[in-house]
């Protein structure tokens, strides 16, 4: 058994799961099950949102450890499902390590991607639908869709500039809130609060907060608290951006 190759396989699988948005317990359990399937009795993976530590002891008594740094990432449900499915097959079949490595590399090399127009269209449709959901009118939905488009463009531009999530959320919130207030002030929209809330649904860190609660319930307190802090900071960024736009419009219009 090439334990260096096995270590690399387990660490890369965990990295792919975590980068796809998997919960902490899922990443640790997947790494542990994979190592056990290939004959490692003592495996102790430790995962937090920005770091993966894989450690195990070979049957010969040699201790091996690998540390992987996890950069900022989002959620990709398609990749998450594919990595999950691969882990189940590897644990059940135990193919040779070169074959397992080839399958893992194939998944990493073929992520599902969407063009910029498709992504912007999703922002428009999603925010417009939320405007209807919250009781807005057709004009509110159209305005919310335009605000969602502005959020998508701003997030894309800030991503190209490698800006962190806090400032991306603050800029998106400020821009969309300002546009919503302008729409209502000029008579194009009916309810500024509904337009703003609908647009903000594209920024609210719902998945992060949900995974944080799941991590806390699973006993991963460090990871859960870290994600909760991340979600709260994103909420703070949205609030700051909104406050700025409201203050700016009051100075402009004197209301």
Protein backbone atom coordinates (compact mmCIF):
# COMPACT_ATOMS: atom_id res chain seq x y z
CA UNK A 1 0.00 0.00 0.00
CA UNK A 2 1.31 3.41 -1.00
CA UNK A 3 0.28 5.37 2.09
CA UNK A 4 1.55 8.67 0.65
CA UNK A 5 -0.86 8.25 -2.27
CA UNK A 6 -3.65 7.26 0.11
CA UNK A 7 -2.98 10.33 2.26
CA UNK A 8 -3.08 12.57 -0.80
CA UNK A 9 -6.31 10.93 -2.00
CA UNK A 10 -8.04 11.38 1.36
CA UNK A 11 -6.88 14.98 1.75
CA UNK A 12 -7.95 15.92 -1.79
CA UNK A 13 -11.34 14.29 -1.32
CA UNK A 14 -11.88 16.24 1.89
CA UNK A 15 -10.69 19.41 0.19
CA UNK A 16 -13.16 18.93 -2.65
CA UNK A 17 -16.04 18.27 -0.26
CA UNK A 18 -15.26 21.31 1.88
CA UNK A 19 -14.75 23.56 -1.14
CA UNK A 20 -18.17 22.44 -2.42
CA UNK A 21 -19.85 23.60 0.80
CA UNK A 22 -20.14 20.31 2.71
CA UNK A 23 -20.74 20.31 6.44
CA UNK A 24 -17.75 19.72 8.69
CA UNK A 25 -19.00 16.38 10.00
CA UNK A 26 -19.58 15.14 6.45
CA UNK A 27 -16.00 15.97 5.45
CA UNK A 28 -14.49 14.31 8.53
CA UNK A 29 -16.67 11.23 8.22
CA UNK A 30 -15.90 10.84 4.50
CA UNK A 31 -12.15 11.01 5.08
CA UNK A 32 -12.37 8.58 7.97
CA UNK A 33 -14.50 6.07 6.08
CA UNK A 34 -12.19 6.22 3.06
CA UNK A 35 -9.11 5.54 5.17
CA UNK A 36 -10.81 2.70 7.02
CA UNK A 37 -11.89 1.15 3.71
CA UNK A 38 -8.26 0.99 2.62
CA UNK A 39 -7.12 -0.73 5.80
CA UNK A 40 -6.16 2.17 8.07
CA UNK A 41 -7.42 1.43 11.58
CA UNK A 42 -6.39 4.67 13.32
CA UNK A 43 -7.56 7.72 11.36
CA UNK A 44 -8.13 11.13 12.95
CA UNK A 45 -9.16 13.85 10.48
CA UNK A 46 -9.76 17.32 11.92
CA UNK A 47 -11.58 19.90 9.82
CA UNK A 48 -12.54 23.54 10.37
CA UNK A 49 -13.90 25.91 7.69
CA UNK A 50 -10.45 27.08 6.53
CA UNK A 51 -8.22 24.09 7.30
CA UNK A 52 -8.08 20.31 6.84
CA UNK A 53 -5.76 18.12 8.90
CA UNK A 54 -5.58 14.44 7.96
CA UNK A 55 -3.66 12.18 10.33
CA UNK A 56 -3.44 8.41 10.54
CA UNK A 57 -1.13 5.62 11.67
CA UNK A 58 -0.13 2.88 9.24
CA UNK A 59 -0.29 -0.81 10.27
CA UNK A 60 3.50 -0.61 10.58
CA UNK A 61 3.15 2.12 13.21
CA UNK A 62 4.23 5.09 11.08
CA UNK A 63 2.35 8.31 11.83
CA UNK A 64 1.42 10.43 8.80
CA UNK A 65 -0.12 13.90 8.70
CA UNK A 66 -1.06 16.35 5.97
CA UNK A 67 -2.43 19.88 6.40
CA UNK A 68 -4.44 21.65 3.69
CA UNK A 69 -5.36 25.32 3.77
CA UNK A 70 -8.89 26.08 2.56
CA UNK A 71 -9.40 29.50 0.91
CA UNK A 72 -12.70 31.33 0.78
CA UNK A 73 -15.30 29.30 -1.12
CA UNK A 74 -18.99 29.05 -1.87
CA UNK A 75 -21.43 26.19 -2.35
CA UNK A 76 -21.68 23.87 -5.36
CA UNK A 77 -24.36 21.26 -4.77
CA UNK A 78 -23.56 19.39 -7.99
CA UNK A 79 -19.88 18.95 -7.05
CA UNK A 80 -20.84 18.06 -3.50
CA UNK A 81 -23.10 15.27 -4.70
CA UNK A 82 -20.45 13.95 -7.09
CA UNK A 83 -17.76 13.88 -4.39
CA UNK A 84 -20.21 12.19 -2.01
CA UNK A 85 -21.06 9.56 -4.60
CA UNK A 86 -17.38 8.94 -5.32
CA UNK A 87 -16.62 8.45 -1.64
CA UNK A 88 -19.39 5.85 -1.33
CA UNK A 89 -18.11 3.94 -4.35
CA UNK A 90 -14.51 4.02 -3.17
CA UNK A 91 -15.49 2.74 0.26
CA UNK A 92 -17.59 -0.06 -1.22
CA UNK A 93 -15.25 -1.15 -4.03
CA UNK A 94 -11.73 -0.21 -2.81
CA UNK A 95 -10.32 0.13 -6.36
CA UNK A 96 -6.54 0.51 -6.80
CA UNK A 97 -5.28 3.92 -5.72
CA UNK A 98 -4.35 5.04 -9.27
CA UNK A 99 -7.91 4.29 -10.39
CA UNK A 100 -9.38 6.14 -7.39
CA UNK A 101 -7.09 9.10 -8.08
CA UNK A 102 -8.18 9.19 -11.72
CA UNK A 103 -11.86 9.30 -10.70
CA UNK A 104 -11.20 12.09 -8.20
CA UNK A 105 -9.20 14.15 -10.68
CA UNK A 106 -11.93 13.72 -13.30
CA UNK A 107 -14.50 15.27 -10.94
CA UNK A 108 -12.19 18.14 -10.01
CA UNK A 109 -11.47 18.85 -13.68
CA UNK A 110 -15.12 18.92 -14.81
CA UNK A 111 -17.07 21.31 -12.58
CA UNK A 112 -20.41 22.49 -13.88
CA UNK A 113 -20.10 26.14 -14.89
CA UNK A 114 -22.62 28.71 -16.07
CA UNK A 115 -22.10 31.69 -18.34
CA UNK A 116 -22.41 35.22 -17.00
CA UNK A 117 -25.77 35.87 -18.76
CA UNK A 118 -27.25 32.75 -17.15
CA UNK A 119 -26.01 33.77 -13.70
CA UNK A 120 -27.34 37.31 -14.09
CA UNK A 121 -30.65 35.92 -15.33
CA UNK A 122 -30.88 33.83 -12.17
CA UNK A 123 -30.36 36.97 -10.06
CA UNK A 124 -33.12 38.77 -11.95
CA UNK A 125 -35.65 35.95 -11.79
CA UNK A 126 -34.88 35.08 -8.17
CA UNK A 127 -35.20 38.60 -6.77
CA UNK A 128 -38.31 39.33 -8.84
CA UNK A 129 -39.95 36.15 -7.57
CA UNK A 130 -39.16 37.09 -3.98
CA UNK A 131 -40.86 40.45 -4.52
CA UNK A 132 -44.06 38.61 -5.46
CA UNK A 133 -43.56 36.25 -2.53
CA UNK A 134 -43.43 39.16 -0.07
CA UNK A 135 -46.62 40.67 -1.47
CA UNK A 136 -45.21 43.19 -3.92
CA UNK A 137 -46.83 44.37 -7.13
CA UNK A 138 -45.70 43.67 -10.68
CA UNK A 139 -43.82 46.95 -10.73
CA UNK A 140 -42.10 46.00 -7.46
CA UNK A 141 -41.06 42.69 -9.00
CA UNK A 142 -39.63 44.38 -12.09
CA UNK A 143 -37.70 46.86 -9.93
CA UNK A 144 -36.45 44.05 -7.69
CA UNK A 145 -35.28 42.18 -10.78
CA UNK A 146 -33.25 45.20 -11.90
CA UNK A 147 -31.80 45.50 -8.39
CA UNK A 148 -30.92 41.81 -8.51
CA UNK A 149 -29.17 42.39 -11.83
CA UNK A 150 -27.15 45.19 -10.23
CA UNK A 151 -26.20 42.89 -7.35
CA UNK A 152 -25.08 40.17 -9.75
CA UNK A 153 -22.94 42.60 -11.73
CA UNK A 154 -21.38 44.12 -8.61
CA UNK A 155 -20.59 40.72 -7.09
CA UNK A 156 -19.03 39.54 -10.35
CA UNK A 157 -16.90 42.66 -10.66
CA UNK A 158 -15.79 42.48 -7.01
CA UNK A 159 -14.93 38.80 -7.43
CA UNK A 160 -12.68 39.66 -10.36
CA UNK A 161 -10.96 42.19 -8.08
CA UNK A 162 -10.52 39.49 -5.39
CA UNK A 163 -12.51 41.47 -2.82
CA UNK A 164 -13.61 39.68 0.34
CA UNK A 165 -17.21 38.74 1.09
CA UNK A 166 -17.77 41.57 3.59
CA UNK A 167 -17.14 44.36 1.09
CA UNK A 168 -18.90 42.52 -1.72
CA UNK A 169 -22.04 42.23 0.41
CA UNK A 170 -21.83 45.85 1.56
CA UNK A 171 -21.47 47.18 -1.98
CA UNK A 172 -24.27 44.98 -3.30
CA UNK A 173 -26.60 46.04 -0.49
CA UNK A 174 -25.79 49.74 -0.90
CA UNK A 175 -26.29 49.65 -4.66
CA UNK A 176 -29.54 47.70 -4.60
CA UNK A 177 -31.04 49.75 -1.74
CA UNK A 178 -30.16 53.01 -3.48
CA UNK A 179 -31.72 51.82 -6.73
CA UNK A 180 -34.88 50.64 -4.94
CA UNK A 181 -35.33 53.99 -3.22
CA UNK A 182 -34.77 55.80 -6.52
CA UNK A 183 -37.34 53.61 -8.27
CA UNK A 184 -40.00 54.39 -5.68
CA UNK A 185 -39.09 58.09 -5.55
CA UNK A 186 -39.52 58.38 -9.32
CA UNK A 187 -42.76 56.38 -9.29
CA UNK A 188 -41.44 53.29 -11.04
CA UNK A 189 -41.90 51.14 -7.92
CA UNK A 190 -44.60 51.01 -5.26
CA UNK A 191 -42.99 49.68 -2.06
CA UNK A 192 -39.34 50.40 -1.44
CA UNK A 193 -39.13 48.09 1.58
CA UNK A 194 -40.41 45.10 -0.40
CA UNK A 195 -38.04 45.77 -3.29
CA UNK A 196 -35.08 46.09 -0.91
CA UNK A 197 -35.92 42.91 1.00
CA UNK A 198 -36.46 40.94 -2.20
CA UNK A 199 -33.12 42.09 -3.60
CA UNK A 200 -31.36 41.27 -0.35
CA UNK A 201 -32.40 37.63 -0.64
CA UNK A 202 -29.56 37.30 -3.15
CA UNK A 203 -27.12 38.37 -0.43
CA UNK A 204 -28.45 36.78 2.74
CA UNK A 205 -26.08 33.99 3.91
CA UNK A 206 -28.80 31.41 4.49
CA UNK A 207 -26.78 28.32 3.54
CA UNK A 208 -23.85 29.41 5.71
CA UNK A 209 -26.09 29.94 8.74
CA UNK A 210 -27.95 26.66 8.21
CA UNK A 211 -24.70 24.70 7.96
CA UNK A 212 -23.42 26.50 11.06
CA UNK A 213 -26.40 25.33 13.09
CA UNK A 214 -25.95 21.78 11.77
CA UNK A 215 -22.28 21.85 12.74
CA UNK A 216 -23.13 23.03 16.26
CA UNK A 217 -25.76 20.31 16.63
CA UNK A 218 -23.20 17.74 15.43
CA UNK A 219 -20.78 18.89 18.14
CA UNK A 220 -18.36 20.77 15.86
CA UNK A 221 -18.43 23.90 17.98
CA UNK A 222 -15.35 25.60 16.51
CA UNK A 223 -16.60 25.24 12.95
CA UNK A 224 -20.18 26.19 13.89
CA UNK A 225 -19.19 29.33 15.77
CA UNK A 226 -16.84 30.35 12.97
CA UNK A 227 -19.60 30.05 10.38
CA UNK A 228 -22.09 31.88 12.60
CA UNK A 229 -19.60 34.73 12.95
CA UNK A 230 -19.18 34.73 9.17
CA UNK A 231 -22.94 34.94 8.66
CA UNK A 232 -23.29 37.74 11.22
CA UNK A 233 -20.51 39.73 9.57
CA UNK A 234 -22.25 39.37 6.23
CA UNK A 235 -25.49 40.58 7.82
CA UNK A 236 -23.60 43.54 9.28
CA UNK A 237 -22.20 44.37 5.85
CA UNK A 238 -25.72 44.34 4.36
CA UNK A 239 -26.98 46.60 7.16
CA UNK A 240 -24.12 49.07 6.70
CA UNK A 241 -24.66 49.24 2.95
CA UNK A 242 -28.39 49.83 3.41
CA UNK A 243 -27.84 52.51 6.05
CA UNK A 244 -25.46 54.32 3.74
CA UNK A 245 -27.98 54.36 0.88
CA UNK A 246 -30.85 55.49 3.10
CA UNK A 247 -28.74 58.30 4.54
CA UNK A 248 -27.59 59.35 1.07
CA UNK A 249 -31.13 59.51 -0.32
CA UNK A 250 -32.30 61.55 2.67
CA UNK A 251 -29.53 64.05 2.02
CA UNK A 252 -30.44 64.17 -1.67
CA UNK A 253 -34.20 64.52 -1.28
CA UNK A 254 -34.48 65.96 2.21
CA UNK A 255 -36.91 63.26 3.48
